[in-house]
Amino acid sequence: MLSTLAMIFMLSSLVETNTMSYLSYSIQDESWISIAGSSNVNTFECYSNSNFTRGNIIVDANASGNSIVFSEAKMALQISSFDCKNPILNKDLYRALGADRNPNILIELLDAQFKESQPQNPNSGELKVSVAITINSKCKVIKVPIKWIRVSGSDIRFIGSHDINMTDFDITPPSPAFGLIKVSEWISINFNLSVKTNTPVFANDLAKVN
């Protein structure tokens, strides 16, 4: 998921319907993103819970209130921040993801759709989020199902997982032990992000101030 993986921030309950708002956010220290995979020998999962960013985004809700469009919702996640608890596996992962040439996984949040069949709960729910993810200089747009929980006030936790094929990003799965270990081309990006936001500033209010 990338991030901010990343990535995945606002809910319709935080924005007025059919209006544009400007928000700042920060991803809290307890957040994490992982890359999980498997081989013919075992499974592995590599975690990153550092160098999460803060920033500003533009949120534009449609008239029906069931979708949101985002602007400037971007995050760069350092590949070297992932720890597989195995130095050799770390190096294999970094090499496979092309960290020497493109050290970051770039994540941009594009839009979010609420499930129309479900009543909107102000404290939890599900979203379908479109995310542009760039790995190894290759960009793909994916749709990620996300569960969200309002922890308190403007603190929201986002939980999700999505499988991607490494070959879609021109990545050759690593083959440790001189090729004796075969790693699957499919990996899962998992995330558990705790996001704090400010009170939105709406475009019409900003115009009054200016």
Protein backbone atom coordinates (compact mmCIF):
# COMPACT_ATOMS: atom_id res chain seq x y z
CA MET A 1 0.00 0.00 0.00
CA LEU A 2 1.86 2.60 -0.68
CA SER A 3 1.90 4.78 1.03
CA THR A 4 1.68 7.53 1.98
CA LEU A 5 1.10 4.27 0.85
CA ALA A 6 0.75 6.91 1.18
CA MET A 7 -1.16 7.75 1.75
CA ILE A 8 -5.09 7.62 2.33
CA PHE A 9 -6.21 10.43 4.49
CA MET A 10 -9.63 12.06 4.52
CA LEU A 11 -13.22 11.03 4.95
CA SER A 12 -16.40 12.72 3.82
CA SER A 13 -17.22 13.40 7.45
CA LEU A 14 -14.26 15.78 7.53
CA VAL A 15 -15.26 17.78 4.46
CA GLU A 16 -18.42 19.52 3.40
CA THR A 17 -20.31 18.05 0.46
CA ASN A 18 -19.58 19.49 -2.97
CA THR A 19 -16.76 21.74 -1.74
CA MET A 20 -13.00 21.96 -1.74
CA SER A 21 -10.92 22.08 1.42
CA TYR A 22 -7.27 22.28 2.38
CA LEU A 23 -5.88 20.08 5.12
CA SER A 24 -2.56 19.32 6.72
CA TYR A 25 -1.77 15.82 7.97
CA SER A 26 0.90 13.90 9.82
CA ILE A 27 1.44 10.14 9.96
CA GLN A 28 2.03 9.04 13.54
CA ASP A 29 5.00 7.03 14.80
CA GLU A 30 3.01 3.86 15.47
CA SER A 31 2.17 3.53 11.77
CA TRP A 32 3.77 0.88 9.57
CA ILE A 33 3.88 -0.46 6.01
CA SER A 34 5.11 -3.92 5.09
CA ILE A 35 6.03 -5.92 2.01
CA ALA A 36 5.24 -9.63 2.35
CA GLY A 37 6.09 -12.48 0.01
CA SER A 38 6.89 -16.15 -0.21
CA SER A 39 9.42 -18.53 -1.73
CA ASN A 40 9.75 -22.26 -2.22
CA VAL A 41 11.38 -22.32 1.23
CA ASN A 42 9.43 -19.96 3.48
CA THR A 43 7.55 -16.68 3.77
CA PHE A 44 8.91 -13.26 4.64
CA GLU A 45 7.62 -9.83 5.67
CA CYS A 46 9.66 -6.64 5.70
CA TYR A 47 8.47 -3.66 7.74
CA SER A 48 8.96 0.07 7.48
CA ASN A 49 7.83 2.33 10.31
CA SER A 50 10.13 5.28 9.81
CA ASN A 51 10.56 8.41 7.67
CA PHE A 52 6.81 8.92 7.30
CA THR A 53 6.05 12.43 6.18
CA ARG A 54 3.66 15.24 6.95
CA GLY A 55 2.20 17.60 4.41
CA ASN A 56 -0.80 19.33 2.92
CA ILE A 57 -3.50 18.02 0.62
CA ILE A 58 -6.48 19.39 -1.28
CA VAL A 59 -9.74 17.47 -0.85
CA ASP A 60 -12.66 17.92 -3.23
CA ALA A 61 -15.93 16.13 -2.36
CA ASN A 62 -18.62 15.57 -4.97
CA ALA A 63 -22.25 16.61 -4.61
CA SER A 64 -23.49 13.14 -3.66
CA GLY A 65 -20.89 12.79 -0.93
CA ASN A 66 -19.85 9.27 -2.00
CA SER A 67 -16.46 10.13 -3.51
CA ILE A 68 -13.49 12.40 -2.86
CA VAL A 69 -10.75 13.60 -5.21
CA PHE A 70 -7.31 14.43 -3.80
CA SER A 71 -4.54 16.73 -4.99
CA GLU A 72 -0.93 16.84 -3.79
CA ALA A 73 -1.46 13.73 -1.63
CA LYS A 74 2.00 12.28 -2.22
CA MET A 75 4.56 10.35 -0.24
CA ALA A 76 8.07 9.06 -0.90
CA LEU A 77 8.94 5.92 1.07
CA GLN A 78 12.61 4.94 1.25
CA ILE A 79 13.16 1.35 0.14
CA SER A 80 16.10 1.11 2.55
CA SER A 81 13.71 1.75 5.46
CA PHE A 82 12.25 -1.78 5.07
CA ASP A 83 13.67 -4.32 7.49
CA CYS A 84 13.24 -8.04 6.81
CA LYS A 85 15.07 -9.04 10.04
CA ASN A 86 17.67 -10.68 7.81
CA PRO A 87 20.60 -8.68 6.38
CA ILE A 88 20.92 -10.89 3.31
CA LEU A 89 17.20 -10.71 2.57
CA ASN A 90 17.34 -6.93 3.06
CA LYS A 91 20.01 -6.62 0.38
CA ASP A 92 18.12 -8.93 -1.97
CA LEU A 93 14.93 -6.90 -1.53
CA TYR A 94 16.67 -3.54 -2.06
CA ARG A 95 18.43 -4.87 -5.16
CA ALA A 96 15.23 -6.36 -6.60
CA LEU A 97 13.31 -3.10 -6.10
CA GLY A 98 16.07 -1.14 -7.82
CA ALA A 99 16.95 0.95 -4.76
CA ASP A 100 20.37 1.86 -6.15
CA ARG A 101 18.76 3.66 -9.12
CA ASN A 102 15.38 4.66 -7.64
CA PRO A 103 15.70 4.75 -3.83
CA ASN A 104 12.06 5.62 -3.11
CA ILE A 105 8.67 4.04 -3.61
CA LEU A 106 6.45 6.93 -4.67
CA ILE A 107 2.79 6.87 -3.67
CA GLU A 108 0.10 9.33 -4.72
CA LEU A 109 -3.49 9.20 -3.49
CA LEU A 110 -5.87 10.03 -6.36
CA ASP A 111 -9.43 9.49 -5.18
CA ALA A 112 -11.62 7.51 -2.79
CA GLN A 113 -15.04 5.94 -3.24
CA PHE A 114 -17.38 5.14 -0.37
CA LYS A 115 -19.52 2.03 -0.57
CA GLU A 116 -22.95 3.29 -1.53
CA SER A 117 -24.62 0.11 -0.30
CA GLN A 118 -23.48 0.81 3.25
CA PRO A 119 -24.81 3.56 5.51
CA GLN A 120 -22.12 6.09 6.40
CA ASN A 121 -20.86 5.59 9.93
CA PRO A 122 -19.00 8.61 11.37
CA ASN A 123 -16.57 6.35 13.23
CA SER A 124 -15.68 3.53 10.83
CA GLY A 125 -16.24 2.22 7.34
CA GLU A 126 -14.72 1.03 4.09
CA LEU A 127 -13.29 2.82 1.08
CA LYS A 128 -12.05 1.90 -2.37
CA VAL A 129 -9.02 4.10 -3.01
CA SER A 130 -7.18 4.74 -6.29
CA VAL A 131 -3.44 5.03 -5.76
CA ALA A 132 -0.62 5.71 -8.23
CA ILE A 133 2.42 3.74 -7.10
CA THR A 134 5.85 4.09 -8.67
CA ILE A 135 8.52 1.44 -8.12
CA ASN A 136 11.69 1.06 -10.17
CA SER A 137 10.58 4.15 -12.20
CA LYS A 138 7.41 2.29 -13.34
CA CYS A 139 4.04 3.78 -12.36
CA LYS A 140 0.80 1.82 -12.02
CA VAL A 141 -2.62 2.93 -10.77
CA ILE A 142 -4.22 0.41 -8.44
CA LYS A 143 -7.47 0.28 -6.46
CA VAL A 144 -7.04 -0.64 -2.84
CA PRO A 145 -9.82 -1.61 -0.39
CA ILE A 146 -9.32 0.17 2.91
CA LYS A 147 -10.92 -0.02 6.33
CA TRP A 148 -10.87 3.12 8.45
CA ILE A 149 -11.52 3.71 12.13
CA ARG A 150 -11.84 7.05 13.84
CA VAL A 151 -9.67 6.75 16.93
CA SER A 152 -10.55 10.18 18.27
CA GLY A 153 -11.46 13.57 16.83
CA SER A 154 -9.19 14.07 13.83
CA ASP A 155 -7.14 10.88 14.45
CA ILE A 156 -8.01 8.15 11.97
CA ARG A 157 -6.47 4.72 11.43
CA PHE A 158 -6.37 3.22 7.93
CA ILE A 159 -5.82 -0.52 7.43
CA GLY A 160 -5.46 -2.32 4.13
CA SER A 161 -3.61 -4.80 1.94
CA HIS A 162 -3.09 -5.24 -1.79
CA ASP A 163 -1.26 -7.82 -3.90
CA ILE A 164 0.96 -6.67 -6.76
CA ASN A 165 3.01 -8.55 -9.33
CA MET A 166 6.65 -7.47 -9.30
CA THR A 167 6.95 -8.05 -13.05
CA ASP A 168 4.41 -5.24 -13.62
CA PHE A 169 7.17 -2.91 -12.40
CA ASP A 170 9.91 -4.63 -14.41
CA ILE A 171 11.21 -6.22 -11.22
CA THR A 172 12.80 -9.65 -11.32
CA PRO A 173 12.06 -11.57 -8.11
CA PRO A 174 15.27 -12.16 -6.15
CA SER A 175 16.84 -15.63 -6.26
CA PRO A 176 18.98 -16.06 -3.15
CA ALA A 177 21.36 -18.99 -2.56
CA PHE A 178 22.59 -18.99 -6.17
CA GLY A 179 19.09 -19.47 -7.50
CA LEU A 180 18.16 -22.40 -5.26
CA ILE A 181 15.51 -20.28 -3.56
CA LYS A 182 12.71 -19.16 -5.87
CA VAL A 183 10.77 -16.11 -4.72
CA SER A 184 7.19 -15.67 -5.96
CA GLU A 185 6.63 -12.70 -8.28
CA TRP A 186 3.56 -11.77 -6.18
CA ILE A 187 4.02 -9.63 -3.07
CA SER A 188 1.54 -8.04 -0.68
CA ILE A 189 1.75 -4.43 0.43
CA ASN A 190 0.14 -4.11 3.86
CA PHE A 191 -0.34 -0.98 5.90
CA ASN A 192 -1.65 0.24 9.21
CA LEU A 193 -1.49 4.04 9.26
CA SER A 194 -2.50 6.35 12.06
CA VAL A 195 -3.14 9.79 10.57
CA LYS A 196 -3.74 13.06 12.39
CA THR A 197 -5.32 15.95 10.48
CA ASN A 198 -6.13 19.55 11.21
CA THR A 199 -9.52 21.22 10.90
CA PRO A 200 -10.16 21.74 7.17
CA VAL A 201 -9.99 25.22 5.67
CA PHE A 202 -12.65 25.49 2.98
CA ALA A 203 -12.02 27.25 -0.30
CA ASN A 204 -14.81 29.79 0.20
CA ASP A 205 -13.50 30.66 3.67
CA LEU A 206 -9.97 31.00 2.30
CA ALA A 207 -11.24 33.40 -0.35
CA LYS A 208 -12.84 35.56 2.35
CA VAL A 209 -9.55 35.72 4.23
CA ASN A 210 -7.64 36.70 1.10
